N, C-alpha and C. Protein backbone atom coordinates (compact mmCIF):
# COMPACT_ATOMS: atom_id res chain seq x y z
N MET A 1 -5.12 13.28 -6.12
CA MET A 1 -5.63 11.93 -6.08
C MET A 1 -6.01 11.60 -4.65
N THR A 2 -7.21 11.13 -4.44
CA THR A 2 -7.65 10.72 -3.11
C THR A 2 -8.20 9.30 -3.17
N LEU A 3 -8.23 8.67 -2.03
CA LEU A 3 -8.77 7.32 -1.94
C LEU A 3 -10.29 7.36 -1.98
N VAL A 4 -10.87 6.39 -2.61
CA VAL A 4 -12.31 6.21 -2.53
C VAL A 4 -12.60 5.67 -1.14
N ARG A 5 -13.59 6.21 -0.45
CA ARG A 5 -13.84 5.80 0.94
C ARG A 5 -14.28 4.34 1.05
N LYS A 6 -15.03 3.87 0.07
CA LYS A 6 -15.52 2.49 0.14
C LYS A 6 -14.35 1.52 0.09
N GLY A 7 -14.31 0.62 1.04
CA GLY A 7 -13.26 -0.39 1.08
C GLY A 7 -12.02 0.02 1.85
N THR A 8 -12.02 1.23 2.42
CA THR A 8 -10.85 1.64 3.20
C THR A 8 -11.04 1.27 4.67
N ARG A 9 -9.93 1.18 5.35
CA ARG A 9 -9.94 0.90 6.78
C ARG A 9 -9.34 2.09 7.50
N ARG A 10 -9.86 2.39 8.67
CA ARG A 10 -9.33 3.50 9.46
C ARG A 10 -8.30 2.97 10.45
N ILE A 11 -7.28 3.79 10.68
CA ILE A 11 -6.25 3.45 11.64
C ILE A 11 -5.74 4.75 12.27
N THR A 12 -5.45 4.71 13.56
CA THR A 12 -4.93 5.87 14.26
C THR A 12 -3.47 5.63 14.60
N VAL A 13 -2.62 6.57 14.19
CA VAL A 13 -1.19 6.50 14.44
C VAL A 13 -0.78 7.76 15.19
N ASP A 14 -0.33 7.59 16.41
CA ASP A 14 0.14 8.71 17.23
C ASP A 14 -0.90 9.84 17.30
N GLY A 15 -2.17 9.48 17.45
CA GLY A 15 -3.24 10.45 17.62
C GLY A 15 -3.85 11.00 16.35
N THR A 16 -3.33 10.64 15.19
CA THR A 16 -3.87 11.10 13.91
C THR A 16 -4.54 9.92 13.21
N THR A 17 -5.71 10.18 12.64
CA THR A 17 -6.46 9.12 11.96
C THR A 17 -6.16 9.14 10.47
N TYR A 18 -5.94 7.94 9.92
CA TYR A 18 -5.66 7.75 8.50
C TYR A 18 -6.63 6.71 7.95
N ARG A 19 -6.74 6.67 6.61
CA ARG A 19 -7.48 5.62 5.93
C ARG A 19 -6.50 4.90 5.03
N TRP A 20 -6.64 3.57 4.93
CA TRP A 20 -5.74 2.79 4.09
C TRP A 20 -6.49 1.67 3.41
N ARG A 21 -5.90 1.18 2.31
CA ARG A 21 -6.49 0.05 1.59
C ARG A 21 -5.46 -0.59 0.68
N THR A 22 -5.72 -1.84 0.38
CA THR A 22 -4.95 -2.53 -0.65
C THR A 22 -5.82 -2.62 -1.88
N ARG A 23 -5.23 -2.79 -3.00
CA ARG A 23 -5.98 -2.90 -4.25
C ARG A 23 -6.53 -4.32 -4.38
N LYS A 24 -7.78 -4.44 -4.76
CA LYS A 24 -8.39 -5.78 -4.88
C LYS A 24 -7.86 -6.54 -6.09
N GLY A 25 -7.66 -5.86 -7.18
CA GLY A 25 -7.19 -6.53 -8.39
C GLY A 25 -5.84 -6.02 -8.81
N LEU A 26 -5.32 -6.58 -9.86
CA LEU A 26 -4.02 -6.18 -10.39
C LEU A 26 -4.17 -4.92 -11.25
N THR A 27 -3.18 -4.07 -11.23
CA THR A 27 -3.15 -2.93 -12.14
C THR A 27 -2.76 -3.44 -13.52
N ARG A 28 -2.88 -2.60 -14.51
CA ARG A 28 -2.52 -3.00 -15.87
C ARG A 28 -1.03 -3.38 -15.93
N ALA A 29 -0.19 -2.62 -15.26
CA ALA A 29 1.25 -2.92 -15.25
C ALA A 29 1.54 -4.22 -14.53
N GLN A 30 0.82 -4.50 -13.43
CA GLN A 30 1.04 -5.73 -12.68
C GLN A 30 0.61 -6.95 -13.47
N ARG A 31 -0.42 -6.81 -14.31
CA ARG A 31 -0.88 -7.94 -15.12
C ARG A 31 0.17 -8.38 -16.13
N LYS A 32 1.05 -7.47 -16.51
CA LYS A 32 2.10 -7.79 -17.48
C LYS A 32 3.27 -8.52 -16.83
N GLN A 33 3.37 -8.49 -15.51
CA GLN A 33 4.47 -9.14 -14.81
C GLN A 33 4.09 -10.59 -14.49
N PRO A 34 5.02 -11.52 -14.62
CA PRO A 34 4.69 -12.93 -14.41
C PRO A 34 4.21 -13.25 -13.00
N ASP A 35 4.70 -12.55 -11.99
CA ASP A 35 4.28 -12.85 -10.62
C ASP A 35 3.22 -11.88 -10.10
N GLY A 36 2.72 -11.00 -10.94
CA GLY A 36 1.70 -10.04 -10.52
C GLY A 36 2.27 -8.78 -9.91
N GLY A 37 3.57 -8.70 -9.77
CA GLY A 37 4.18 -7.51 -9.22
C GLY A 37 4.14 -7.48 -7.70
N PRO A 38 4.78 -6.49 -7.10
CA PRO A 38 4.84 -6.43 -5.64
C PRO A 38 3.52 -5.97 -5.03
N MET A 39 3.30 -6.37 -3.80
CA MET A 39 2.12 -5.96 -3.05
C MET A 39 2.28 -4.49 -2.68
N THR A 40 1.22 -3.72 -2.85
CA THR A 40 1.23 -2.31 -2.47
C THR A 40 -0.02 -1.99 -1.66
N PHE A 41 0.08 -0.93 -0.85
CA PHE A 41 -1.10 -0.38 -0.20
C PHE A 41 -0.96 1.12 -0.14
N VAL A 42 -2.09 1.81 0.02
CA VAL A 42 -2.13 3.27 -0.01
C VAL A 42 -2.71 3.78 1.30
N VAL A 43 -2.13 4.88 1.81
CA VAL A 43 -2.58 5.49 3.06
C VAL A 43 -2.75 6.98 2.80
N GLU A 44 -3.78 7.59 3.40
CA GLU A 44 -3.93 9.04 3.37
C GLU A 44 -4.62 9.51 4.64
N GLY A 45 -4.52 10.78 4.91
CA GLY A 45 -5.15 11.35 6.09
C GLY A 45 -6.66 11.22 6.00
N ALA A 46 -7.32 10.88 7.10
CA ALA A 46 -8.77 10.70 7.08
C ALA A 46 -9.48 12.04 7.01
N ASP A 47 -8.94 13.05 7.65
CA ASP A 47 -9.60 14.36 7.69
C ASP A 47 -9.14 15.28 6.57
N ALA A 48 -7.96 15.08 6.07
CA ALA A 48 -7.41 15.92 5.01
C ALA A 48 -6.87 15.04 3.90
N PRO A 49 -7.74 14.54 3.00
CA PRO A 49 -7.27 13.66 1.94
C PRO A 49 -6.35 14.40 0.97
N GLY A 50 -5.56 13.66 0.29
CA GLY A 50 -4.62 14.21 -0.68
C GLY A 50 -3.22 13.76 -0.33
N ASN A 51 -2.29 13.86 -1.28
CA ASN A 51 -0.90 13.45 -1.12
C ASN A 51 -0.83 12.05 -0.50
N PRO A 52 -1.33 11.04 -1.20
CA PRO A 52 -1.35 9.69 -0.64
C PRO A 52 0.04 9.10 -0.48
N LEU A 53 0.16 8.23 0.47
CA LEU A 53 1.38 7.45 0.70
C LEU A 53 1.19 6.11 0.00
N VAL A 54 2.07 5.78 -0.92
CA VAL A 54 2.01 4.50 -1.64
C VAL A 54 3.18 3.66 -1.15
N VAL A 55 2.88 2.54 -0.51
CA VAL A 55 3.91 1.68 0.08
C VAL A 55 4.02 0.41 -0.76
N THR A 56 5.23 0.13 -1.23
CA THR A 56 5.50 -1.08 -2.01
C THR A 56 6.26 -2.05 -1.12
N LEU A 57 5.69 -3.23 -0.93
CA LEU A 57 6.29 -4.25 -0.08
C LEU A 57 7.22 -5.14 -0.89
N GLY A 58 8.03 -5.92 -0.23
CA GLY A 58 9.01 -6.75 -0.91
C GLY A 58 8.54 -8.16 -1.20
N HIS A 59 7.25 -8.35 -1.38
CA HIS A 59 6.74 -9.68 -1.71
C HIS A 59 5.59 -9.53 -2.69
N PRO A 60 5.25 -10.62 -3.41
CA PRO A 60 4.19 -10.53 -4.40
C PRO A 60 2.81 -10.45 -3.78
N ARG A 61 1.86 -10.06 -4.60
CA ARG A 61 0.47 -10.02 -4.17
C ARG A 61 0.00 -11.45 -3.90
N PRO A 62 -0.99 -11.64 -3.03
CA PRO A 62 -1.46 -13.00 -2.75
C PRO A 62 -1.91 -13.77 -3.98
N GLN A 63 -2.60 -13.12 -4.94
CA GLN A 63 -3.03 -13.84 -6.14
C GLN A 63 -1.92 -13.90 -7.16
N GLY A 64 -0.76 -13.35 -6.86
CA GLY A 64 0.45 -13.25 -7.64
C GLY A 64 0.60 -14.01 -8.93
N CYS A 65 -0.12 -15.03 -9.18
CA CYS A 65 0.07 -15.83 -10.39
C CYS A 65 -0.86 -15.34 -11.51
N CYS A 66 -0.41 -15.50 -12.74
CA CYS A 66 -1.21 -15.00 -13.87
C CYS A 66 -2.30 -15.98 -14.30
N CYS A 67 -2.21 -17.24 -13.89
CA CYS A 67 -3.21 -18.23 -14.28
C CYS A 67 -3.27 -19.33 -13.22
N PRO A 68 -4.31 -20.15 -13.20
CA PRO A 68 -4.40 -21.18 -12.17
C PRO A 68 -3.46 -22.36 -12.36
N PHE A 69 -2.71 -22.40 -13.47
CA PHE A 69 -1.87 -23.55 -13.76
C PHE A 69 -0.41 -23.36 -13.39
N CYS A 70 0.00 -22.13 -13.14
CA CYS A 70 1.41 -21.93 -12.79
C CYS A 70 1.53 -21.58 -11.31
N ALA A 71 2.65 -21.91 -10.75
CA ALA A 71 2.89 -21.64 -9.33
C ALA A 71 3.68 -20.35 -9.17
N PRO A 72 3.35 -19.53 -8.17
CA PRO A 72 4.12 -18.32 -7.95
C PRO A 72 5.54 -18.65 -7.52
N THR A 73 6.48 -17.80 -7.93
CA THR A 73 7.88 -17.99 -7.55
C THR A 73 8.30 -16.85 -6.64
N GLY A 74 9.41 -17.02 -5.96
CA GLY A 74 9.91 -15.96 -5.09
C GLY A 74 9.34 -16.07 -3.69
N PRO A 75 9.43 -14.98 -2.92
CA PRO A 75 8.99 -15.02 -1.53
C PRO A 75 7.48 -15.22 -1.41
N GLU A 76 7.08 -15.83 -0.32
CA GLU A 76 5.66 -16.06 -0.06
C GLU A 76 4.94 -14.74 0.22
N PRO A 77 3.70 -14.60 -0.23
CA PRO A 77 2.93 -13.40 0.09
C PRO A 77 2.69 -13.30 1.59
N GLU A 78 2.69 -12.09 2.11
CA GLU A 78 2.41 -11.84 3.52
C GLU A 78 1.24 -10.88 3.61
N PRO A 79 0.43 -10.97 4.64
CA PRO A 79 -0.71 -10.06 4.75
C PRO A 79 -0.25 -8.65 5.12
N VAL A 80 -1.05 -7.68 4.71
CA VAL A 80 -0.82 -6.30 5.14
C VAL A 80 -1.61 -6.14 6.44
N THR A 81 -0.89 -6.06 7.54
CA THR A 81 -1.51 -5.96 8.85
C THR A 81 -1.51 -4.51 9.33
N PRO A 82 -2.38 -4.19 10.28
CA PRO A 82 -2.36 -2.83 10.84
C PRO A 82 -0.99 -2.44 11.39
N ALA A 83 -0.25 -3.38 11.96
CA ALA A 83 1.08 -3.06 12.48
C ALA A 83 2.02 -2.62 11.36
N ARG A 84 1.91 -3.23 10.20
CA ARG A 84 2.73 -2.83 9.06
C ARG A 84 2.33 -1.46 8.55
N VAL A 85 1.04 -1.17 8.58
CA VAL A 85 0.56 0.15 8.15
C VAL A 85 1.09 1.22 9.10
N VAL A 86 1.02 0.97 10.40
CA VAL A 86 1.54 1.92 11.39
C VAL A 86 3.02 2.16 11.16
N ALA A 87 3.79 1.09 10.95
CA ALA A 87 5.24 1.23 10.71
C ALA A 87 5.50 2.04 9.44
N ALA A 88 4.71 1.82 8.40
CA ALA A 88 4.89 2.55 7.15
C ALA A 88 4.58 4.04 7.34
N VAL A 89 3.50 4.34 8.05
CA VAL A 89 3.13 5.75 8.29
C VAL A 89 4.22 6.44 9.08
N ARG A 90 4.69 5.82 10.14
CA ARG A 90 5.76 6.43 10.94
C ARG A 90 7.03 6.63 10.12
N GLY A 91 7.38 5.64 9.31
CA GLY A 91 8.57 5.76 8.47
C GLY A 91 8.43 6.87 7.43
N ALA A 92 7.25 6.97 6.82
CA ALA A 92 7.02 8.01 5.82
C ALA A 92 7.03 9.41 6.44
N LEU A 93 6.44 9.54 7.62
CA LEU A 93 6.45 10.83 8.30
C LEU A 93 7.88 11.24 8.64
N ALA A 94 8.70 10.28 9.03
CA ALA A 94 10.11 10.57 9.33
C ALA A 94 10.89 10.98 8.08
N GLU A 95 10.45 10.49 6.91
CA GLU A 95 11.11 10.83 5.64
C GLU A 95 10.54 12.09 5.00
N GLY A 96 9.54 12.71 5.63
CA GLY A 96 9.03 13.97 5.11
C GLY A 96 7.66 13.95 4.48
N TRP A 97 6.93 12.86 4.58
CA TRP A 97 5.56 12.81 4.03
C TRP A 97 4.68 13.76 4.81
N SER A 98 3.91 14.57 4.10
CA SER A 98 2.96 15.50 4.71
C SER A 98 1.56 15.16 4.21
N PRO A 99 0.81 14.36 4.97
CA PRO A 99 -0.54 13.99 4.51
C PRO A 99 -1.41 15.23 4.39
N GLY A 100 -2.21 15.28 3.35
CA GLY A 100 -3.12 16.38 3.13
C GLY A 100 -2.57 17.49 2.27
N ASP A 101 -1.26 17.52 2.04
CA ASP A 101 -0.68 18.54 1.17
C ASP A 101 -0.99 18.21 -0.28
N SER A 102 -0.90 19.22 -1.12
CA SER A 102 -1.10 18.96 -2.54
C SER A 102 0.18 18.34 -3.10
N GLY A 103 0.04 17.73 -4.20
CA GLY A 103 1.21 17.09 -4.82
C GLY A 103 0.91 15.65 -5.13
N GLY A 104 1.85 15.04 -5.78
CA GLY A 104 1.68 13.65 -6.19
C GLY A 104 1.88 12.70 -5.03
N PRO A 105 1.74 11.43 -5.29
CA PRO A 105 1.88 10.45 -4.24
C PRO A 105 3.31 10.39 -3.68
N PHE A 106 3.40 10.12 -2.40
CA PHE A 106 4.68 9.93 -1.73
C PHE A 106 4.94 8.43 -1.73
N ARG A 107 6.04 8.00 -2.31
CA ARG A 107 6.33 6.58 -2.44
C ARG A 107 7.32 6.13 -1.38
N LEU A 108 7.03 4.98 -0.78
CA LEU A 108 7.88 4.43 0.27
C LEU A 108 8.18 2.97 -0.05
N ASP A 109 9.45 2.61 0.05
CA ASP A 109 9.85 1.22 -0.13
C ASP A 109 9.65 0.53 1.23
N GLY A 110 8.63 -0.29 1.32
CA GLY A 110 8.30 -0.95 2.57
C GLY A 110 8.78 -2.39 2.61
N SER A 111 9.79 -2.73 1.83
CA SER A 111 10.26 -4.12 1.81
C SER A 111 10.86 -4.55 3.15
N ALA A 112 11.26 -3.61 3.98
CA ALA A 112 11.83 -3.96 5.29
C ALA A 112 10.76 -3.98 6.39
N LEU A 113 9.52 -3.65 6.05
CA LEU A 113 8.46 -3.61 7.07
C LEU A 113 7.98 -4.99 7.43
């Protein structure tokens, strides 16, 4: 699985370039959750795509509500900033993520980021 280049942003962490993006809409599973589910973003190596890093944050997506009439509950949504992406990449590399290797996505709990 690789990221589609359109809509990704480039970021350099410790001399290595990566591409990252957040999902514009809700996934099918997130649509079933009352608050839209947690915010996630995906990172992969810019030169060697594959083995994406999927980071799940500890707050809901900005559009988090299922309809315009209900108010989101729980913690306030926070933006995914480049600093958070850098922290996630460094944390995943420390936990053994190898960008560009074959295999399924590497999942990281980024609720502390």
